[in-house]
Protein backbone atom coordinates (compact mmCIF):
# COMPACT_ATOMS: atom_id res chain seq x y z
CA MET A 1 32.26 -171.74 240.97
CA ARG A 2 30.01 -170.68 238.00
CA LYS A 3 29.75 -167.12 239.35
CA SER A 4 33.63 -166.92 239.63
CA TYR A 5 34.05 -168.25 236.10
CA LEU A 6 31.68 -165.48 234.80
CA LYS A 7 33.72 -162.96 236.57
CA ASP A 8 36.79 -164.26 235.01
CA ILE A 9 35.26 -163.87 231.52
CA LEU A 10 34.16 -160.35 232.26
CA ALA A 11 37.62 -159.48 233.64
CA SER A 12 39.51 -160.70 230.60
CA GLY A 13 37.71 -158.11 228.48
CA ASN A 14 37.36 -160.48 225.43
CA PHE A 15 33.73 -161.08 226.37
CA GLY A 16 32.90 -157.42 226.12
CA LEU A 17 34.95 -156.96 222.92
CA PHE A 18 33.09 -159.85 221.33
CA ALA A 19 29.62 -158.48 222.33
CA ALA A 20 30.61 -154.96 221.02
CA GLY A 21 31.75 -156.49 217.78
CA LEU A 22 28.40 -158.30 217.41
CA VAL A 23 26.41 -155.12 218.08
CA LEU A 24 28.60 -152.98 215.67
CA PHE A 25 28.19 -155.71 213.02
CA ALA A 26 24.21 -155.68 213.52
CA VAL A 27 24.07 -151.92 213.38
CA ILE A 28 26.21 -151.53 210.16
CA SER A 29 24.32 -154.41 208.45
CA ILE A 30 20.92 -152.78 209.18
CA PHE A 31 21.88 -149.32 207.90
CA SER A 32 24.09 -150.36 204.95
CA SER A 33 22.97 -152.85 202.34
CA SER A 34 26.46 -153.01 200.85
CA PHE A 35 28.12 -154.28 204.19
CA LEU A 36 27.32 -157.97 203.71
CA THR A 37 28.19 -158.29 200.19
CA PRO A 38 30.98 -160.87 199.42
CA PHE A 39 33.24 -158.22 197.89
CA ASN A 40 33.15 -156.17 201.10
CA MET A 41 33.49 -159.11 203.36
CA TYR A 42 36.63 -160.00 201.38
CA THR A 43 37.88 -156.56 201.66
CA ILE A 44 37.31 -156.37 205.41
CA GLY A 45 39.10 -159.78 205.84
CA ARG A 46 42.24 -158.51 204.08
CA THR A 47 42.26 -155.15 205.77
CA LEU A 48 41.63 -156.52 209.32
CA SER A 49 44.50 -159.02 208.79
CA LEU A 50 46.94 -156.31 208.10
CA TYR A 51 45.58 -154.16 211.02
CA ALA A 52 46.09 -157.11 213.28
CA PHE A 53 49.68 -157.55 212.45
CA ILE A 54 50.27 -153.75 212.90
CA GLY A 55 48.51 -154.01 216.30
CA LEU A 56 50.63 -156.98 217.08
CA SER A 57 53.75 -155.10 216.51
CA GLN A 58 52.76 -152.49 219.00
CA ALA A 59 51.21 -154.94 221.57
CA ILE A 60 54.45 -156.85 221.73
CA VAL A 61 56.34 -153.93 223.34
CA LEU A 62 53.33 -152.62 225.33
CA VAL A 63 53.21 -155.95 227.02
CA VAL A 64 56.69 -155.34 228.67
CA GLY A 65 55.64 -151.79 229.60
CA ASP A 66 57.37 -149.94 226.67
CA MET A 67 55.95 -148.58 223.54
CA ASN A 68 57.08 -148.12 219.78
CA LEU A 69 56.23 -144.96 218.03
CA SER A 70 58.28 -146.04 214.97
CA VAL A 71 56.29 -149.26 213.95
CA GLY A 72 55.11 -147.30 210.86
CA ALA A 73 58.66 -146.09 210.08
CA ILE A 74 60.07 -149.47 210.37
CA GLY A 75 57.34 -150.84 208.12
CA GLY A 76 58.30 -148.05 205.47
CA LEU A 77 61.91 -149.10 205.56
CA ALA A 78 61.07 -152.69 205.09
CA THR A 79 58.78 -151.80 202.16
CA ILE A 80 61.41 -149.98 200.25
CA THR A 81 63.97 -152.62 200.98
CA ALA A 82 61.95 -155.31 199.48
CA GLY A 83 60.58 -153.04 196.59
CA TYR A 84 64.10 -151.95 195.66
CA LEU A 85 65.48 -155.50 195.66
CA ILE A 86 62.67 -156.82 193.69
CA ASP A 87 62.06 -153.87 191.16
CA ILE A 88 65.64 -152.44 190.81
CA ARG A 89 68.02 -155.33 191.64
CA HIS A 90 65.85 -158.12 190.34
CA TYR A 91 66.46 -160.24 193.34
CA PRO A 92 64.30 -163.36 193.95
CA ASP A 93 61.24 -162.77 196.02
CA TRP A 94 62.37 -164.86 198.99
CA LEU A 95 65.62 -162.95 199.24
CA ALA A 96 63.81 -159.60 199.23
CA VAL A 97 61.52 -160.80 202.04
CA ILE A 98 64.52 -162.07 204.21
CA ALA A 99 66.24 -158.81 203.68
CA ALA A 100 63.14 -156.74 204.55
CA LEU A 101 62.55 -158.79 207.73
CA ALA A 102 66.34 -158.37 208.69
CA VAL A 103 65.82 -154.66 208.44
CA GLY A 104 62.96 -154.83 210.85
CA ILE A 105 64.88 -157.05 213.23
CA LEU A 106 67.79 -154.66 213.14
CA CYS A 107 65.69 -151.63 213.65
CA GLY A 108 63.99 -153.26 216.68
CA ALA A 109 67.40 -154.26 218.03
CA ILE A 110 68.69 -150.90 217.73
CA ILE A 111 65.79 -149.38 219.66
CA GLY A 112 65.89 -152.23 222.37
CA VAL A 113 69.69 -151.65 223.00
CA ILE A 114 69.46 -147.87 223.21
CA THR A 115 66.34 -148.18 225.40
CA THR A 116 67.73 -150.51 227.91
CA LYS A 117 71.60 -149.96 227.87
CA MET A 118 71.27 -146.13 227.84
CA GLY A 119 68.20 -145.93 230.18
CA ILE A 120 66.26 -143.58 227.79
CA ASN A 121 62.59 -143.80 227.81
CA ALA A 122 61.20 -145.75 224.97
CA PHE A 123 58.82 -142.92 224.01
CA ILE A 124 61.73 -140.60 223.40
CA VAL A 125 63.85 -143.36 221.48
CA THR A 126 61.06 -144.43 219.19
CA LEU A 127 59.93 -140.80 218.61
CA ALA A 128 63.39 -140.09 217.45
CA THR A 129 64.02 -143.33 215.40
CA SER A 130 60.58 -142.81 213.69
CA PHE A 131 61.98 -139.48 212.26
CA ILE A 132 65.36 -141.08 211.30
CA PHE A 133 63.86 -144.15 209.55
CA THR A 134 61.30 -141.95 207.76
CA GLY A 135 64.07 -139.59 206.59
CA ILE A 136 66.13 -142.51 205.30
CA ASN A 137 63.04 -143.89 203.61
CA PHE A 138 62.27 -140.81 201.58
CA GLY A 139 65.76 -139.61 201.18
CA PHE A 140 66.60 -143.03 199.44
CA THR A 141 63.42 -143.12 197.30
CA GLN A 142 62.82 -139.49 196.70
CA GLY A 143 59.12 -140.32 197.27
CA PHE A 144 58.85 -142.66 194.32
CA SER A 145 57.26 -146.10 194.63
CA PHE A 146 58.59 -149.42 193.22
CA VAL A 147 55.80 -150.61 190.96
CA ASN A 148 57.27 -153.55 189.24
CA ILE A 149 56.17 -156.27 191.81
CA PRO A 150 55.70 -159.78 190.18
CA SER A 151 52.33 -161.46 190.43
CA SER A 152 53.96 -164.28 192.40
CA PHE A 153 54.53 -161.87 195.21
CA THR A 154 50.95 -160.63 195.34
CA LEU A 155 49.42 -164.18 195.59
CA LEU A 156 49.21 -164.04 199.34
CA GLY A 157 47.64 -160.55 199.48
CA ALA A 158 45.28 -161.02 196.63
CA GLY A 159 44.37 -164.72 196.68
CA ARG A 160 41.34 -166.39 198.42
CA VAL A 161 39.84 -169.71 198.95
CA ILE A 162 36.18 -170.22 199.01
CA GLY A 163 35.86 -166.39 199.45
CA ILE A 164 38.25 -166.32 202.53
CA PRO A 165 41.40 -164.13 201.90
CA PHE A 166 44.71 -165.97 202.16
CA LEU A 167 45.77 -163.07 204.41
CA PHE A 168 43.09 -163.95 206.97
CA ILE A 169 44.17 -167.73 206.98
CA PHE A 170 47.79 -166.61 207.40
CA LEU A 171 46.67 -164.26 210.26
CA LEU A 172 44.96 -167.00 212.06
CA LEU A 173 47.90 -169.35 211.85
CA CYS A 174 50.16 -166.54 213.17
CA LEU A 175 47.78 -165.81 216.19
CA ILE A 176 47.81 -169.43 217.13
CA ILE A 177 51.75 -169.27 217.10
CA ILE A 178 51.40 -166.08 219.31
CA PHE A 179 49.08 -167.87 221.81
CA LEU A 180 51.35 -170.92 222.04
CA PHE A 181 54.38 -168.54 222.40
CA PHE A 182 52.92 -166.67 225.39
CA ARG A 183 51.44 -169.77 227.01
CA PHE A 184 53.93 -172.37 226.56
CA THR A 185 57.42 -171.04 226.04
CA VAL A 186 60.05 -169.78 228.53
CA ALA A 187 60.56 -166.58 226.57
CA GLY A 188 56.77 -165.76 226.27
CA ARG A 189 56.18 -166.28 229.98
CA ARG A 190 59.28 -164.13 230.86
CA ILE A 191 57.96 -161.34 228.69
CA LEU A 192 54.69 -161.50 230.47
CA ALA A 193 56.52 -161.66 233.89
CA VAL A 194 58.74 -158.50 233.05
CA GLY A 195 55.62 -156.65 231.90
CA GLU A 196 53.62 -157.58 235.09
CA ASN A 197 56.34 -156.64 237.59
CA PRO A 198 59.79 -155.78 236.31
CA GLU A 199 61.45 -155.70 239.85
CA ALA A 200 59.97 -159.15 240.84
CA ALA A 201 61.12 -160.59 237.55
CA LYS A 202 64.71 -159.20 238.11
CA PHE A 203 64.88 -160.61 241.64
CA SER A 204 63.63 -164.15 240.21
CA GLY A 205 66.71 -164.24 237.95
CA ILE A 206 65.35 -162.96 234.57
CA ASN A 207 67.38 -160.58 232.58
CA THR A 208 64.86 -157.93 232.12
CA ASP A 209 67.11 -155.92 229.72
CA LYS A 210 67.34 -158.99 227.28
CA ILE A 211 63.57 -159.55 227.49
CA LYS A 212 62.92 -155.91 226.49
CA ILE A 213 65.41 -156.08 223.70
CA LEU A 214 63.77 -159.28 222.58
CA SER A 215 60.18 -157.51 222.59
CA HIS A 216 61.63 -154.56 220.42
CA ILE A 217 63.19 -157.16 218.03
CA LEU A 218 59.97 -159.05 217.74
CA SER A 219 58.10 -155.61 217.24
CA GLY A 220 60.54 -154.71 214.38
CA PHE A 221 60.10 -158.21 212.76
CA ILE A 222 56.28 -158.04 212.91
CA ALA A 223 56.21 -154.54 211.56
CA ALA A 224 58.49 -155.61 208.66
CA LEU A 225 56.14 -158.66 208.10
CA ALA A 226 53.10 -156.38 207.98
CA ALA A 227 55.01 -154.42 205.34
CA ILE A 228 55.62 -157.32 203.25
CA LEU A 229 52.03 -158.31 203.42
CA TYR A 230 51.04 -154.69 202.56
CA ILE A 231 53.01 -154.92 199.34
CA SER A 232 51.52 -158.26 198.62
CA ARG A 233 48.10 -156.74 198.82
CA MET A 234 48.71 -153.51 197.13
CA GLY A 235 51.06 -154.72 194.27
CA THR A 236 53.38 -151.86 194.79
CA ALA A 237 56.11 -150.89 197.32
CA SER A 238 55.31 -147.20 198.23
CA PRO A 239 57.46 -145.18 200.62
CA VAL A 240 54.38 -143.74 202.30
CA THR A 241 53.59 -147.28 203.64
CA GLY A 242 53.31 -147.02 207.42
CA GLN A 243 52.47 -143.33 207.66
CA ASP A 244 49.05 -144.11 209.20
CA TRP A 245 50.10 -147.07 211.24
CA LEU A 246 50.71 -145.42 214.55
CA ILE A 247 47.09 -144.77 215.53
CA VAL A 248 46.04 -148.26 214.13
CA SER A 249 48.75 -150.00 216.15
CA PHE A 250 47.72 -148.38 219.37
CA ALA A 251 43.93 -148.81 218.63
CA VAL A 252 44.18 -152.45 217.78
CA ALA A 253 46.53 -153.35 220.76
CA ILE A 254 44.53 -151.31 223.32
CA ILE A 255 41.07 -152.23 222.24
CA GLY A 256 42.25 -155.82 221.86
CA GLY A 257 43.01 -155.96 225.69
CA THR A 258 46.77 -155.41 225.76
CA ALA A 259 47.46 -153.42 229.06
CA LEU A 260 49.31 -150.13 228.74
CA SER A 261 50.88 -150.95 232.08
CA GLY A 262 52.26 -154.31 230.60
CA GLY A 263 51.73 -157.96 231.50
CA THR A 264 48.75 -158.81 229.51
CA ILE A 265 48.19 -159.76 225.90
CA THR A 266 45.79 -161.97 224.13
CA ALA A 267 45.88 -163.27 220.48
CA PHE A 268 42.13 -163.48 220.45
CA GLY A 269 41.86 -159.89 221.71
CA LEU A 270 44.08 -158.62 219.08
CA LEU A 271 41.79 -160.28 216.37
CA LEU A 272 38.58 -158.71 217.96
CA GLY A 273 40.41 -155.32 218.15
CA ALA A 274 41.33 -155.44 214.54
CA ILE A 275 37.88 -156.46 213.62
CA ILE A 276 36.23 -153.64 215.51
CA MET A 277 38.60 -151.08 214.25
CA VAL A 278 38.02 -152.18 210.55
CA MET A 279 34.25 -152.36 210.93
CA ILE A 280 34.15 -148.89 212.26
CA LYS A 281 36.19 -147.48 209.47
CA ASN A 282 34.47 -149.55 206.81
CA GLY A 283 31.07 -148.46 208.32
CA LEU A 284 31.93 -144.85 208.17
CA ILE A 285 32.72 -145.06 204.42
CA LEU A 286 29.58 -147.23 203.71
CA LEU A 287 27.41 -144.72 205.56
CA GLN A 288 29.01 -141.96 203.54
CA VAL A 289 30.33 -140.13 206.66
CA ASP A 290 32.66 -137.22 205.53
CA VAL A 291 36.13 -138.56 205.29
CA TYR A 292 37.35 -135.54 207.17
CA TRP A 293 35.53 -136.74 210.27
CA GLU A 294 37.28 -140.00 210.19
CA GLN A 295 40.29 -138.83 212.29
CA ALA A 296 37.97 -137.57 214.91
CA PHE A 297 36.23 -140.89 215.18
CA LEU A 298 39.57 -142.62 215.44
CA GLY A 299 40.87 -140.38 218.06
CA LEU A 300 37.53 -140.98 220.12
CA LEU A 301 38.12 -144.55 219.64
CA ILE A 302 41.67 -144.41 221.23
CA LEU A 303 40.29 -142.25 224.11
CA MET A 304 37.58 -144.83 224.74
CA ALA A 305 40.07 -147.71 224.42
CA VAL A 306 42.47 -146.09 226.99
CA SER A 307 39.45 -145.52 229.43
CA ILE A 308 38.39 -149.13 229.06
CA ASP A 309 41.93 -150.24 229.80
CA ARG A 310 41.88 -148.14 232.93
CA ILE A 311 38.70 -149.30 234.03
CA ARG A 312 39.68 -152.97 233.33
CA THR A 313 42.83 -152.41 235.51
CA VAL A 314 41.11 -150.85 238.50
CA TYR A 315 38.51 -153.69 238.24
CA ASN A 316 41.03 -156.44 238.26
CA GLN A 317 42.98 -154.64 241.20
CA ARG A 318 39.82 -154.44 243.28
CA ARG A 319 38.98 -158.14 242.41
CA LEU A 320 42.37 -159.24 243.72
CA LEU A 321 41.90 -157.41 246.91
CA SER A 322 38.33 -158.61 247.51
């Protein structure tokens, strides 16, 4: 029994992620005296919180076997929506937030409907919509940012309690909700079922099209939420928001244990994936590695994450057959 439990831990991937995170933490701490400073820890806490939401926006569609290449473009649209309503139209903060989230939901619904009802691969649909949403973004703003964001809007992104960023606390609450959603709700269990075996899910009476549309709607909603949190952190609503989200979304999701083939997602894994991703980027900066090499490191990280995902899939398949 004890041996079987150990195998379950190793198969889940979270144990390996946790161990890798500890090793990475120790290495950077040894080679950089600035890593463990309170300000750097505060910065890491805010950044990893945003990365976790970006990764979640990708993971929620990966889990049903799809992908969303337009998470960053949706985030950009949500950003300028909130910024325009606050800065130009002088709408209340809460109304701007609702409008931005509605934009994310609408974008996700459009992608989901086109993907399922027209039978077009999600890669093609989201690649096209990423260009469409980005074009609308820059066409509307002409590249200018909305800078008159009230301090009340930046409280969540800039505030802290006993050194812990409000963003990180908010992230933990949301991850608990995600855990409960997939563990105890009908919708969450159906999303996992569709991702694990779409044909079996369909024969069991699950409307797989509706579930996939729901996943894309949730992806759009979470991308818009990440955009709102990004505005809260930066204090401005820039149209370039989301331009670097694609690689972050895949890296955090895949490193965090979300299977590319679908059917697997863990809230704790997403947190670990975000922590590892941010520590690597922060460590490169503190160790004064040339910024031009960063993309190479991140690309290598993605390749390693995909390889780990494949190894984990093969291991689990052999484990089931043994």
